[in-house]
Amino acid sequence: MFAIISVTGKDHTGIIAAVSAACAELEVNINNVSQTIMDGYFTMILHVSFDEEATNIEAIQQRMHAVEEQEALVIRIQSQAIFDAMNTI
């Protein structure tokens, strides 16, 4: 399954490391990533894939919630199919 993860928050050291480590723990592969810093705020979008038999979006959301709290971020994840449907005109 493919999903989109968005990460935003005040920039600080270790954001990419925390998010990518959490993905690795759940065997979530990062296929593509885009990140930037705008006026001191960090933004990142990840295109990820994972085996639905090994993990699911709810498990990923739960793990990312811990990263949100630890790193003072806002992290959202959604199925790529839902993301595509919402962004298609």
Protein backbone atom coordinates (compact mmCIF):
# COMPACT_ATOMS: atom_id res chain seq x y z
CA MET A 1 0.00 0.00 0.00
CA PHE A 2 1.10 3.56 -0.68
CA ALA A 3 0.53 6.50 1.66
CA ILE A 4 1.40 10.18 2.03
CA ILE A 5 2.85 11.47 5.32
CA SER A 6 3.06 15.21 5.97
CA VAL A 7 5.19 16.65 8.76
CA THR A 8 5.18 20.27 9.96
CA GLY A 9 6.57 22.11 12.95
CA LYS A 10 9.14 24.53 14.25
CA ASP A 11 12.52 23.61 12.78
CA HIS A 12 15.03 21.83 15.01
CA THR A 13 17.70 19.15 14.76
CA GLY A 14 16.56 15.53 14.47
CA ILE A 15 13.16 15.78 12.78
CA ILE A 16 14.09 13.73 9.72
CA ALA A 17 15.92 11.21 11.90
CA ALA A 18 12.94 10.74 14.22
CA VAL A 19 10.41 10.31 11.41
CA SER A 20 12.59 8.01 9.31
CA ALA A 21 13.52 5.87 12.34
CA ALA A 22 9.83 5.41 13.17
CA CYS A 23 9.18 4.40 9.56
CA ALA A 24 12.05 1.91 9.66
CA GLU A 25 10.73 0.35 12.89
CA LEU A 26 7.47 -0.47 11.11
CA GLU A 27 9.17 -1.51 7.84
CA VAL A 28 7.65 1.47 6.05
CA ASN A 29 9.73 2.30 2.99
CA ILE A 30 10.27 5.96 2.08
CA ASN A 31 9.95 6.13 -1.71
CA ASN A 32 10.26 9.88 -2.10
CA VAL A 33 10.65 12.85 0.21
CA SER A 34 10.46 16.61 -0.16
CA GLN A 35 11.35 18.95 2.67
CA THR A 36 11.97 22.63 3.17
CA ILE A 37 12.32 25.22 5.90
CA MET A 38 10.19 28.35 5.60
CA ASP A 39 10.68 31.18 8.10
CA GLY A 40 11.91 28.76 10.76
CA TYR A 41 9.18 26.17 10.16
CA PHE A 42 10.00 22.72 8.86
CA THR A 43 7.74 21.05 6.30
CA MET A 44 8.15 17.58 4.80
CA ILE A 45 6.04 15.32 2.60
CA LEU A 46 6.90 11.64 2.31
CA HIS A 47 5.57 9.14 -0.21
CA VAL A 48 5.81 5.77 1.54
CA SER A 49 4.93 2.15 0.91
CA PHE A 50 4.35 -0.77 3.25
CA ASP A 51 3.02 -4.30 3.36
CA GLU A 52 -0.55 -4.17 4.70
CA GLU A 53 -0.14 -7.69 6.10
CA ALA A 54 2.79 -6.53 8.26
CA THR A 55 1.39 -3.16 9.38
CA ASN A 56 -1.51 -0.80 8.68
CA ILE A 57 -2.16 2.93 8.59
CA GLU A 58 -3.55 2.90 12.14
CA ALA A 59 -0.30 1.39 13.48
CA ILE A 60 1.73 3.96 11.58
CA GLN A 61 -0.48 6.79 12.90
CA GLN A 62 -0.04 5.52 16.45
CA ARG A 63 3.75 5.37 16.09
CA MET A 64 3.86 8.82 14.48
CA HIS A 65 1.76 10.22 17.32
CA ALA A 66 4.64 9.41 19.68
CA VAL A 67 7.03 11.21 17.30
CA GLU A 68 4.64 14.20 17.20
CA GLU A 69 4.73 14.50 20.97
CA GLN A 70 8.47 13.92 21.30
CA GLU A 71 9.43 16.35 18.54
CA ALA A 72 6.57 18.91 18.88
CA LEU A 73 5.33 18.30 15.32
CA VAL A 74 2.10 17.78 13.45
CA ILE A 75 2.20 14.54 11.44
CA ARG A 76 -0.62 13.37 9.18
CA ILE A 77 -0.84 10.17 7.18
CA GLN A 78 -3.38 9.10 4.60
CA SER A 79 -3.74 6.49 1.93
CA GLN A 80 -2.39 7.64 -1.41
CA ALA A 81 -5.73 6.67 -3.00
CA ILE A 82 -7.57 9.06 -0.66
CA PHE A 83 -4.93 11.75 -1.16
CA ASP A 84 -5.22 11.42 -4.95
CA ALA A 85 -9.03 11.53 -4.84
CA MET A 86 -9.02 14.67 -2.67
CA ASN A 87 -6.54 16.45 -4.93
CA THR A 88 -8.02 15.55 -8.31
CA ILE A 89 -10.24 18.14 -9.93
